């Protein structure tokens, strides 16, 4: 299972502020935090900067590279920004996020994909008509992209299909449609990915829904997910699913993660216990002072 950390996205106010202020420490911390928590790729989106997107993207990539060697997923609708990012990441594994089944946009990105034949590509299964509503439409759009790649002599195995998670709050039936599409895609041996947190948009206790949906998606054949690695509920459920699906030999990754969790819990418990003792000691001192006077 490939985990793509979603946190370095300029749509988040803290990230936008850090980029605007060129806060190296903040961006480096976000990169290291996600990498330490298991992200194999770091999604980087600077699109909120509009006219400054390329300049911002180049700065963020250089900042991340000083902090960690974790590969990057370039997240932008702007072809020039993608080209600039790929140039900075020569010789490194890279995800492109994303393309669609829209013919004009496919034609535009072909030169970049031919320039580097190792780029992985996230393909959204939407076309000129918008987001498809059925399983069949999603599969048909995926097949359209595959056929286009073959005609261009580009290996379609580089594709990771995103069948477009829709919020349960507005389209509850779409979760079941998404999961069924995953199952059919797996029968076709397609690679799959999704931006998972959209499922819980507008609902309370989002982490619960995200974790439940992740479990269902992994069981249905999901290969990669764009998630927040700091969401411990979701990442622990993912580790458990990897064991259940026999993807974690001898349960080693699960054991390692749970041991780390226990250590973190004990550390937090010790800090709180020390704080309570400190507060209790201060209270005793205050009482003594009051009694003295």
Protein backbone atom coordinates (compact mmCIF):
# COMPACT_ATOMS: atom_id res chain seq x y z
CA UNK A 1 0.00 0.00 0.00
CA UNK A 2 1.42 3.36 -1.05
CA UNK A 3 0.71 6.23 1.34
CA UNK A 4 0.87 9.72 -0.16
CA UNK A 5 0.93 12.42 2.53
CA UNK A 6 -1.58 15.17 1.77
CA UNK A 7 -0.63 17.89 4.25
CA UNK A 8 1.59 20.19 2.13
CA UNK A 9 -1.30 21.75 0.25
CA UNK A 10 -1.67 25.51 -0.16
CA UNK A 11 -5.44 25.23 0.29
CA UNK A 12 -4.61 24.79 4.00
CA UNK A 13 -4.27 28.23 5.56
CA UNK A 14 -1.20 27.31 7.63
CA UNK A 15 0.62 25.97 4.58
CA UNK A 16 -0.35 28.99 2.47
CA UNK A 17 0.94 31.28 5.22
CA UNK A 18 4.21 29.32 5.52
CA UNK A 19 4.76 29.45 1.76
CA UNK A 20 3.98 33.17 1.62
CA UNK A 21 6.41 33.89 4.45
CA UNK A 22 9.00 31.43 3.12
CA UNK A 23 8.92 29.67 6.50
CA UNK A 24 11.47 26.93 5.86
CA UNK A 25 11.17 25.37 9.32
CA UNK A 26 7.40 24.92 9.08
CA UNK A 27 7.47 23.23 5.65
CA UNK A 28 10.46 21.06 6.64
CA UNK A 29 8.60 19.98 9.79
CA UNK A 30 5.51 19.03 7.78
CA UNK A 31 7.64 17.00 5.37
CA UNK A 32 9.58 15.18 8.09
CA UNK A 33 6.47 14.56 10.18
CA UNK A 34 4.67 12.80 7.33
CA UNK A 35 7.74 10.83 6.31
CA UNK A 36 8.32 9.68 9.89
CA UNK A 37 4.70 8.52 10.10
CA UNK A 38 4.99 6.32 7.02
CA UNK A 39 4.30 8.46 3.96
CA UNK A 40 6.15 7.04 0.94
CA UNK A 41 5.36 10.14 -1.15
CA UNK A 42 4.63 13.74 -0.20
CA UNK A 43 1.89 15.43 -2.18
CA UNK A 44 2.84 19.05 -2.92
CA UNK A 45 0.19 21.50 -4.06
CA UNK A 46 0.97 25.21 -4.46
CA UNK A 47 -1.93 26.01 -6.81
CA UNK A 48 -3.50 28.53 -4.42
CA UNK A 49 -0.63 30.87 -5.31
CA UNK A 50 -2.10 31.30 -8.81
CA UNK A 51 0.45 33.42 -10.73
CA UNK A 52 3.15 32.55 -8.19
CA UNK A 53 2.50 28.80 -8.30
CA UNK A 54 5.69 27.85 -10.14
CA UNK A 55 7.88 30.06 -7.96
CA UNK A 56 6.20 28.71 -4.81
CA UNK A 57 6.43 25.11 -5.98
CA UNK A 58 10.14 25.38 -6.71
CA UNK A 59 10.76 26.88 -3.26
CA UNK A 60 8.72 24.17 -1.49
CA UNK A 61 10.47 21.35 -3.36
CA UNK A 62 13.92 22.74 -2.54
CA UNK A 63 12.87 23.18 1.10
CA UNK A 64 11.58 19.61 1.33
CA UNK A 65 14.73 18.26 -0.28
CA UNK A 66 16.87 19.85 2.43
CA UNK A 67 14.76 18.04 5.04
CA UNK A 68 14.04 14.59 3.58
CA UNK A 69 14.62 12.39 0.53
CA UNK A 70 11.01 11.15 0.53
CA UNK A 71 9.70 11.17 -3.08
CA UNK A 72 7.25 13.84 -4.18
CA UNK A 73 3.83 13.77 -5.79
CA UNK A 74 3.40 16.92 -7.90
CA UNK A 75 -0.21 18.06 -7.51
CA UNK A 76 -1.26 20.71 -10.01
CA UNK A 77 -3.62 21.32 -12.94
CA UNK A 78 -0.93 23.59 -14.41
CA UNK A 79 1.27 21.84 -16.98
CA UNK A 80 4.05 24.43 -16.63
CA UNK A 81 4.16 23.85 -12.88
CA UNK A 82 4.38 20.09 -13.41
CA UNK A 83 7.21 20.56 -15.90
CA UNK A 84 9.09 22.81 -13.47
CA UNK A 85 8.66 20.29 -10.67
CA UNK A 86 9.79 17.35 -12.76
CA UNK A 87 12.90 19.29 -13.84
CA UNK A 88 13.85 19.86 -10.19
CA UNK A 89 13.32 16.18 -9.39
CA UNK A 90 15.48 14.68 -12.12
CA UNK A 91 16.43 11.09 -11.39
CA UNK A 92 13.92 10.75 -8.52
CA UNK A 93 10.65 8.79 -8.32
CA UNK A 94 7.74 11.17 -9.02
CA UNK A 95 3.95 10.97 -9.13
CA UNK A 96 2.06 13.36 -11.40
CA UNK A 97 -1.29 14.37 -9.89
CA UNK A 98 -3.19 14.37 -12.18
CA UNK A 99 -4.57 13.81 -15.67
CA UNK A 100 -8.14 13.17 -16.85
CA UNK A 101 -9.86 11.51 -19.81
CA UNK A 102 -10.31 14.92 -21.46
CA UNK A 103 -8.61 14.59 -24.84
CA UNK A 104 -7.21 18.14 -25.01
CA UNK A 105 -5.51 17.80 -21.62
CA UNK A 106 -4.17 14.35 -22.46
CA UNK A 107 -2.54 15.70 -25.61
CA UNK A 108 -0.92 18.54 -23.65
CA UNK A 109 0.82 16.30 -21.10
CA UNK A 110 2.13 13.68 -23.55
CA UNK A 111 5.52 15.43 -24.18
CA UNK A 112 6.25 15.46 -20.43
CA UNK A 113 5.36 11.78 -20.04
CA UNK A 114 7.55 10.84 -23.02
CA UNK A 115 10.42 12.93 -21.70
CA UNK A 116 10.54 10.78 -18.54
CA UNK A 117 9.31 7.24 -18.92
CA UNK A 118 9.45 6.54 -15.16
CA UNK A 119 6.81 9.06 -14.06
CA UNK A 120 3.82 7.54 -12.29
CA UNK A 121 0.54 9.22 -13.22
CA UNK A 122 -2.69 9.62 -11.25
CA UNK A 123 -5.59 9.50 -13.74
CA UNK A 124 -8.95 10.92 -12.70
CA UNK A 125 -11.72 9.05 -14.49
CA UNK A 126 -13.68 12.11 -15.53
CA UNK A 127 -14.05 13.57 -19.01
CA UNK A 128 -15.61 16.58 -20.73
CA UNK A 129 -19.00 15.63 -19.22
CA UNK A 130 -17.70 15.93 -15.66
CA UNK A 131 -17.66 13.40 -12.82
CA UNK A 132 -19.28 10.10 -13.90
CA UNK A 133 -22.16 8.76 -11.83
CA UNK A 134 -21.93 5.05 -12.57
CA UNK A 135 -19.37 2.24 -12.31
CA UNK A 136 -19.55 1.67 -16.07
CA UNK A 137 -18.80 5.30 -16.92
CA UNK A 138 -15.75 5.31 -14.64
CA UNK A 139 -14.40 2.10 -16.17
CA UNK A 140 -15.07 3.37 -19.70
CA UNK A 141 -13.13 6.58 -19.00
CA UNK A 142 -10.27 4.52 -17.59
CA UNK A 143 -10.20 2.39 -20.72
CA UNK A 144 -10.21 5.56 -22.83
CA UNK A 145 -7.07 6.77 -21.05
CA UNK A 146 -5.37 3.38 -21.43
CA UNK A 147 -6.11 3.28 -25.17
CA UNK A 148 -4.74 6.81 -25.55
CA UNK A 149 -1.54 5.81 -23.75
CA UNK A 150 -1.11 2.75 -25.97
CA UNK A 151 -1.51 4.84 -29.13
CA UNK A 152 1.20 7.17 -27.83
CA UNK A 153 3.48 4.20 -27.01
CA UNK A 154 3.37 5.02 -23.30
CA UNK A 155 3.18 2.14 -20.86
CA UNK A 156 -0.31 2.18 -19.25
CA UNK A 157 1.08 0.39 -16.20
CA UNK A 158 2.34 3.81 -15.11
CA UNK A 159 -1.29 4.81 -14.47
CA UNK A 160 -2.96 4.87 -11.06
CA UNK A 161 -6.70 5.39 -11.51
CA UNK A 162 -8.64 7.65 -9.15
CA UNK A 163 -12.37 6.92 -9.38
CA UNK A 164 -13.28 10.15 -7.61
CA UNK A 165 -14.49 9.82 -4.05
CA UNK A 166 -17.61 11.93 -3.47
CA UNK A 167 -18.82 13.25 -0.08
CA UNK A 168 -21.26 10.99 1.75
CA UNK A 169 -23.02 14.12 3.00
CA UNK A 170 -24.32 14.92 -0.49
CA UNK A 171 -24.10 11.66 -2.49
CA UNK A 172 -24.35 8.74 -0.10
CA UNK A 173 -24.80 6.14 -2.84
CA UNK A 174 -21.48 7.11 -4.42
CA UNK A 175 -19.41 5.31 -1.77
CA UNK A 176 -20.83 1.94 -2.83
CA UNK A 177 -20.32 2.85 -6.49
CA UNK A 178 -16.70 3.80 -5.82
CA UNK A 179 -16.00 0.50 -4.01
CA UNK A 180 -17.60 -1.54 -6.77
CA UNK A 181 -15.50 0.32 -9.36
CA UNK A 182 -12.38 -0.58 -7.37
CA UNK A 183 -13.32 -4.27 -7.46
CA UNK A 184 -13.85 -4.21 -11.22
CA UNK A 185 -10.60 -2.31 -11.76
CA UNK A 186 -8.73 -4.91 -9.75
CA UNK A 187 -10.13 -7.64 -12.02
CA UNK A 188 -8.61 -5.68 -14.91
CA UNK A 189 -5.26 -5.47 -13.03
CA UNK A 190 -5.38 -1.67 -12.90
CA UNK A 191 -3.45 0.31 -10.28
CA UNK A 192 -5.77 2.41 -8.11
CA UNK A 193 -5.49 5.46 -5.84
CA UNK A 194 -7.84 7.90 -4.17
CA UNK A 195 -7.93 11.17 -2.26
CA UNK A 196 -9.69 9.58 0.64
CA UNK A 197 -10.67 12.39 3.04
CA UNK A 198 -13.27 13.81 0.65
CA UNK A 199 -15.59 10.98 1.72
CA UNK A 200 -16.30 12.63 5.10
CA UNK A 201 -16.55 16.26 4.00
CA UNK A 202 -19.20 18.15 5.96
CA UNK A 203 -19.75 15.42 8.56
CA UNK A 204 -18.75 15.16 12.25
CA UNK A 205 -15.98 12.86 13.54
CA UNK A 206 -14.44 12.70 10.08
CA UNK A 207 -11.58 10.46 11.18
CA UNK A 208 -14.06 7.63 11.97
CA UNK A 209 -15.62 7.73 8.51
CA UNK A 210 -12.22 8.07 6.84
CA UNK A 211 -10.88 4.99 8.66
CA UNK A 212 -13.99 2.91 7.90
CA UNK A 213 -13.89 3.87 4.24
CA UNK A 214 -10.16 3.17 3.99
CA UNK A 215 -10.68 -0.35 5.32
CA UNK A 216 -13.46 -0.95 2.78
CA UNK A 217 -11.38 0.50 -0.06
CA UNK A 218 -8.27 -1.56 0.76
CA UNK A 219 -10.42 -4.72 0.95
CA UNK A 220 -11.83 -3.79 -2.49
CA UNK A 221 -8.38 -3.48 -4.05
CA UNK A 222 -7.07 0.04 -3.40
CA UNK A 223 -3.31 0.26 -4.04
CA UNK A 224 -2.52 3.82 -2.89
CA UNK A 225 -4.19 6.57 -0.87
CA UNK A 226 -3.66 10.29 -0.46
CA UNK A 227 -4.21 10.74 3.27
CA UNK A 228 -3.10 12.61 6.38
CA UNK A 229 -0.48 10.32 7.99
CA UNK A 230 -0.97 12.11 11.33
CA UNK A 231 -4.47 10.60 11.56
CA UNK A 232 -3.51 7.72 13.86
CA UNK A 233 -6.93 6.02 13.71
CA UNK A 234 -6.70 5.71 9.94
CA UNK A 235 -3.05 4.64 9.78
CA UNK A 236 -3.51 2.04 12.52
CA UNK A 237 -6.50 0.56 10.68
CA UNK A 238 -4.42 0.49 7.52
CA UNK A 239 -1.64 -1.39 9.31
CA UNK A 240 -4.20 -3.89 10.61
CA UNK A 241 -5.67 -4.38 7.12
CA UNK A 242 -2.24 -5.06 5.66
CA UNK A 243 -1.89 -7.93 8.16
CA UNK A 244 -5.37 -9.31 7.46
CA UNK A 245 -4.75 -9.26 3.70
CA UNK A 246 -1.37 -11.04 4.11
CA UNK A 247 0.58 -8.04 2.84
CA UNK A 248 2.68 -7.69 6.00
CA UNK A 249 5.03 -10.66 6.35
CA UNK A 250 5.16 -11.97 9.91
CA UNK A 251 3.13 -8.88 10.96
CA UNK A 252 6.42 -6.99 11.28
CA UNK A 253 5.16 -3.57 10.20
CA UNK A 254 2.09 -3.90 12.42
CA UNK A 255 4.17 -4.88 15.45
CA UNK A 256 6.60 -2.02 14.81
CA UNK A 257 3.76 0.51 14.52
CA UNK A 258 1.98 -0.73 17.65
CA UNK A 259 5.21 -0.71 19.69
CA UNK A 260 5.79 2.87 18.58
CA UNK A 261 2.21 3.72 19.54
CA UNK A 262 2.65 2.20 23.01
CA UNK A 263 5.89 4.16 23.45
CA UNK A 264 4.14 7.37 22.40
CA UNK A 265 1.27 6.64 24.79
CA UNK A 266 3.66 6.03 27.69
CA UNK A 267 5.56 9.23 26.85
CA UNK A 268 2.35 11.26 26.82
CA UNK A 269 1.20 9.58 30.05
CA UNK A 270 4.52 10.39 31.74
CA UNK A 271 4.34 14.03 30.61
CA UNK A 272 0.80 14.37 31.98
CA UNK A 273 1.77 12.62 35.24
CA UNK A 274 4.76 14.95 35.65
CA UNK A 275 2.52 17.96 35.00
CA UNK A 276 0.02 16.75 37.62
CA UNK A 277 2.82 16.29 40.15
CA UNK A 278 4.13 19.75 39.34
CA UNK A 279 0.67 21.28 39.76
CA UNK A 280 0.12 19.35 43.01
CA UNK A 281 3.50 20.50 44.33
CA UNK A 282 2.69 24.11 43.39
CA UNK A 283 -0.69 23.85 45.12
CA UNK A 284 1.02 22.56 48.30
CA UNK A 285 3.53 25.40 48.19
CA UNK A 286 0.75 27.95 47.75
CA UNK A 287 -1.09 26.54 50.75
CA UNK A 288 2.06 26.67 52.86
CA UNK A 289 2.64 30.27 51.87
CA UNK A 290 -0.93 31.18 52.79
CA UNK A 291 -0.61 29.40 56.14
CA UNK A 292 2.69 31.16 56.86
CA UNK A 293 0.98 34.48 56.44
